[in-house]
Amino acid sequence: PVIDERDTSNGGEYRGCENCAVLSPSRRYGDELAYRGVKEERFGGDDDIRPVFPASPADLSNLGADTLRAHQSLLGLRRRHPWLVDARTESLDLTNERYVYRTGVPGVEP
């Protein structure tokens, strides 16, 4: 599984971050609305990598609504499962196609 597809080695197209909210609290502008962008090789190339948000939330397109709901649900995991705040993740196996890990609270048996 891909943690974050910010690698632009695929020709410069940014494809989003489907699993990012689960594995990392890091998100970038527009991830929650499935915004896509093209990284450009120029001065300030990242400046316009994503579309600009509209002036009002009421003006947002519904195209990213499913992704927004998924982000909201995933971000709510910490509130629904407080043990996650103290949890640690241990990498068990990492290959080009697979990442196996164990997550738990130190000193607490699974």
C-alpha atoms as a PDB file:
ATOM      1  CA  PRO A   1       0.000   0.000   0.000  1.00  0.00           C
ATOM      2  CA  VAL A   2       1.082   3.538  -0.682  1.00  0.00           C
ATOM      3  CA  ILE A   3       1.358   5.822   2.329  1.00  0.00           C
ATOM      4  CA  ASP A   4       1.493   9.004   0.300  1.00  0.00           C
ATOM      5  CA  GLU A   5       1.759   9.499  -3.436  1.00  0.00           C
ATOM      6  CA  ARG A   6       3.653  12.783  -3.348  1.00  0.00           C
ATOM      7  CA  ASP A   7       6.332  11.223  -5.527  1.00  0.00           C
ATOM      8  CA  THR A   8       6.134  12.964  -8.872  1.00  0.00           C
ATOM      9  CA  SER A   9       8.402  10.507 -10.699  1.00  0.00           C
ATOM     10  CA  ASN A  10       5.347   9.409 -12.693  1.00  0.00           C
ATOM     11  CA  GLY A  11       5.701  12.377 -15.027  1.00  0.00           C
ATOM     12  CA  GLY A  12       4.791  15.109 -12.562  1.00  0.00           C
ATOM     13  CA  GLU A  13       1.144  14.296 -11.878  1.00  0.00           C
ATOM     14  CA  TYR A  14       0.174  14.377  -8.223  1.00  0.00           C
ATOM     15  CA  ARG A  15      -2.310  11.557  -7.602  1.00  0.00           C
ATOM     16  CA  GLY A  16      -3.489  12.258  -4.063  1.00  0.00           C
ATOM     17  CA  CYS A  17      -3.121  10.462  -0.786  1.00  0.00           C
ATOM     18  CA  GLU A  18      -5.752   7.803  -0.157  1.00  0.00           C
ATOM     19  CA  ASN A  19      -4.172   6.157   2.914  1.00  0.00           C
ATOM     20  CA  CYS A  20      -2.383   9.172   4.286  1.00  0.00           C
ATOM     21  CA  ALA A  21      -4.980  10.093   6.911  1.00  0.00           C
ATOM     22  CA  VAL A  22      -4.822   6.579   8.372  1.00  0.00           C
ATOM     23  CA  LEU A  23      -1.065   6.288   8.657  1.00  0.00           C
ATOM     24  CA  SER A  24      -0.041   9.882   9.199  1.00  0.00           C
ATOM     25  CA  PRO A  25      -1.695  13.029  10.519  1.00  0.00           C
ATOM     26  CA  SER A  26      -0.057  14.919   7.668  1.00  0.00           C
ATOM     27  CA  ARG A  27      -2.323  16.240   4.959  1.00  0.00           C
ATOM     28  CA  ARG A  28      -1.818  18.879   2.341  1.00  0.00           C
ATOM     29  CA  TYR A  29      -4.086  21.550   0.958  1.00  0.00           C
ATOM     30  CA  GLY A  30      -6.957  19.959  -0.913  1.00  0.00           C
ATOM     31  CA  ASP A  31      -6.303  16.298   0.031  1.00  0.00           C
ATOM     32  CA  GLU A  32      -9.623  16.192   1.850  1.00  0.00           C
ATOM     33  CA  LEU A  33     -11.452  17.183  -1.353  1.00  0.00           C
ATOM     34  CA  ALA A  34      -9.469  14.918  -3.718  1.00  0.00           C
ATOM     35  CA  TYR A  35      -7.852  17.932  -5.387  1.00  0.00           C
ATOM     36  CA  ARG A  36      -5.365  17.014  -8.075  1.00  0.00           C
ATOM     37  CA  GLY A  37      -2.521  19.080  -9.377  1.00  0.00           C
ATOM     38  CA  VAL A  38       0.449  19.103 -11.691  1.00  0.00           C
ATOM     39  CA  LYS A  39       3.895  19.893 -10.332  1.00  0.00           C
ATOM     40  CA  GLU A  40       5.812  22.117 -12.691  1.00  0.00           C
ATOM     41  CA  GLU A  41       9.576  22.368 -13.078  1.00  0.00           C
ATOM     42  CA  ARG A  42       9.885  26.143 -12.763  1.00  0.00           C
ATOM     43  CA  PHE A  43      10.545  28.794 -10.137  1.00  0.00           C
ATOM     44  CA  GLY A  44       7.619  28.594  -7.713  1.00  0.00           C
ATOM     45  CA  GLY A  45       6.503  25.341  -9.377  1.00  0.00           C
ATOM     46  CA  ASP A  46       4.558  24.222  -6.312  1.00  0.00           C
ATOM     47  CA  ASP A  47       2.729  27.533  -5.885  1.00  0.00           C
ATOM     48  CA  ASP A  48      -0.209  26.598  -8.095  1.00  0.00           C
ATOM     49  CA  ILE A  49      -0.104  22.818  -7.704  1.00  0.00           C
ATOM     50  CA  ARG A  50      -3.706  22.758  -6.420  1.00  0.00           C
ATOM     51  CA  PRO A  51      -6.843  24.656  -7.410  1.00  0.00           C
ATOM     52  CA  VAL A  52      -7.773  27.564  -5.166  1.00  0.00           C
ATOM     53  CA  PHE A  53     -10.580  27.055  -2.642  1.00  0.00           C
ATOM     54  CA  PRO A  54     -13.710  29.080  -3.447  1.00  0.00           C
ATOM     55  CA  ALA A  55     -14.581  32.119  -1.336  1.00  0.00           C
ATOM     56  CA  SER A  56     -17.361  30.230   0.478  1.00  0.00           C
ATOM     57  CA  PRO A  57     -17.731  26.552   1.484  1.00  0.00           C
ATOM     58  CA  ALA A  58     -21.151  26.678  -0.169  1.00  0.00           C
ATOM     59  CA  ASP A  59     -19.359  27.122  -3.508  1.00  0.00           C
ATOM     60  CA  LEU A  60     -17.365  23.875  -3.202  1.00  0.00           C
ATOM     61  CA  SER A  61     -17.979  21.223  -5.830  1.00  0.00           C
ATOM     62  CA  ASN A  62     -19.557  17.957  -4.690  1.00  0.00           C
ATOM     63  CA  LEU A  63     -16.954  15.990  -6.691  1.00  0.00           C
ATOM     64  CA  GLY A  64     -14.764  15.515  -3.604  1.00  0.00           C
ATOM     65  CA  ALA A  65     -17.600  14.894  -1.126  1.00  0.00           C
ATOM     66  CA  ASP A  66     -16.863  11.162  -0.715  1.00  0.00           C
ATOM     67  CA  THR A  67     -13.184  11.864  -0.058  1.00  0.00           C
ATOM     68  CA  LEU A  68     -14.086  14.597   2.450  1.00  0.00           C
ATOM     69  CA  ARG A  69     -16.366  12.202   4.362  1.00  0.00           C
ATOM     70  CA  ALA A  70     -13.609   9.548   4.369  1.00  0.00           C
ATOM     71  CA  HIS A  71     -11.080  12.066   5.752  1.00  0.00           C
ATOM     72  CA  GLN A  72     -13.521  13.217   8.428  1.00  0.00           C
ATOM     73  CA  SER A  73     -14.175   9.631   9.485  1.00  0.00           C
ATOM     74  CA  LEU A  74     -10.479   8.723   9.559  1.00  0.00           C
ATOM     75  CA  LEU A  75      -9.520  11.853  11.469  1.00  0.00           C
ATOM     76  CA  GLY A  76     -12.194  11.008  14.044  1.00  0.00           C
ATOM     77  CA  LEU A  77     -10.434   7.729  14.868  1.00  0.00           C
ATOM     78  CA  ARG A  78      -8.502   9.329  17.732  1.00  0.00           C
ATOM     79  CA  ARG A  79     -11.698  10.609  19.344  1.00  0.00           C
ATOM     80  CA  ARG A  80     -13.441   7.248  18.940  1.00  0.00           C
ATOM     81  CA  HIS A  81     -10.387   5.221  20.036  1.00  0.00           C
ATOM     82  CA  PRO A  82      -8.373   7.242  22.591  1.00  0.00           C
ATOM     83  CA  TRP A  83      -5.730   4.496  22.952  1.00  0.00           C
ATOM     84  CA  LEU A  84      -4.420   5.511  19.512  1.00  0.00           C
ATOM     85  CA  VAL A  85      -2.906   8.643  21.055  1.00  0.00           C
ATOM     86  CA  ASP A  86      -0.343   6.504  22.941  1.00  0.00           C
ATOM     87  CA  ALA A  87      -0.025   3.784  20.305  1.00  0.00           C
ATOM     88  CA  ARG A  88       3.242   3.050  18.549  1.00  0.00           C
ATOM     89  CA  THR A  89       3.702   1.350  15.204  1.00  0.00           C
ATOM     90  CA  GLU A  90       6.474  -1.155  14.594  1.00  0.00           C
ATOM     91  CA  SER A  91       7.543  -1.989  11.051  1.00  0.00           C
ATOM     92  CA  LEU A  92       7.666  -5.768  10.551  1.00  0.00           C
ATOM     93  CA  ASP A  93       8.281  -6.006   6.823  1.00  0.00           C
ATOM     94  CA  LEU A  94       8.676  -3.411   4.090  1.00  0.00           C
ATOM     95  CA  THR A  95       9.001  -4.179   0.400  1.00  0.00           C
ATOM     96  CA  ASN A  96       8.177  -2.326  -2.768  1.00  0.00           C
ATOM     97  CA  GLU A  97       4.681  -3.854  -2.783  1.00  0.00           C
ATOM     98  CA  ARG A  98       3.875  -4.468   0.878  1.00  0.00           C
ATOM     99  CA  TYR A  99       4.152  -2.874   4.312  1.00  0.00           C
ATOM    100  CA  VAL A 100       3.446  -5.091   7.328  1.00  0.00           C
ATOM    101  CA  TYR A 101       3.240  -3.394  10.711  1.00  0.00           C
ATOM    102  CA  ARG A 102       1.989  -3.920  14.265  1.00  0.00           C
ATOM    103  CA  THR A 103       0.354  -1.121  16.220  1.00  0.00           C
ATOM    104  CA  GLY A 104      -0.290  -1.103  19.954  1.00  0.00           C
ATOM    105  CA  VAL A 105       0.259   0.684  23.234  1.00  0.00           C
ATOM    106  CA  PRO A 106       3.665  -0.017  24.838  1.00  0.00           C
ATOM    107  CA  GLY A 107       3.329  -2.309  27.861  1.00  0.00           C
ATOM    108  CA  VAL A 108      -0.215  -3.387  26.966  1.00  0.00           C
ATOM    109  CA  GLU A 109      -0.697  -6.849  25.503  1.00  0.00           C
ATOM    110  CA  PRO A 110      -2.848  -7.053  22.347  1.00  0.00           C
END
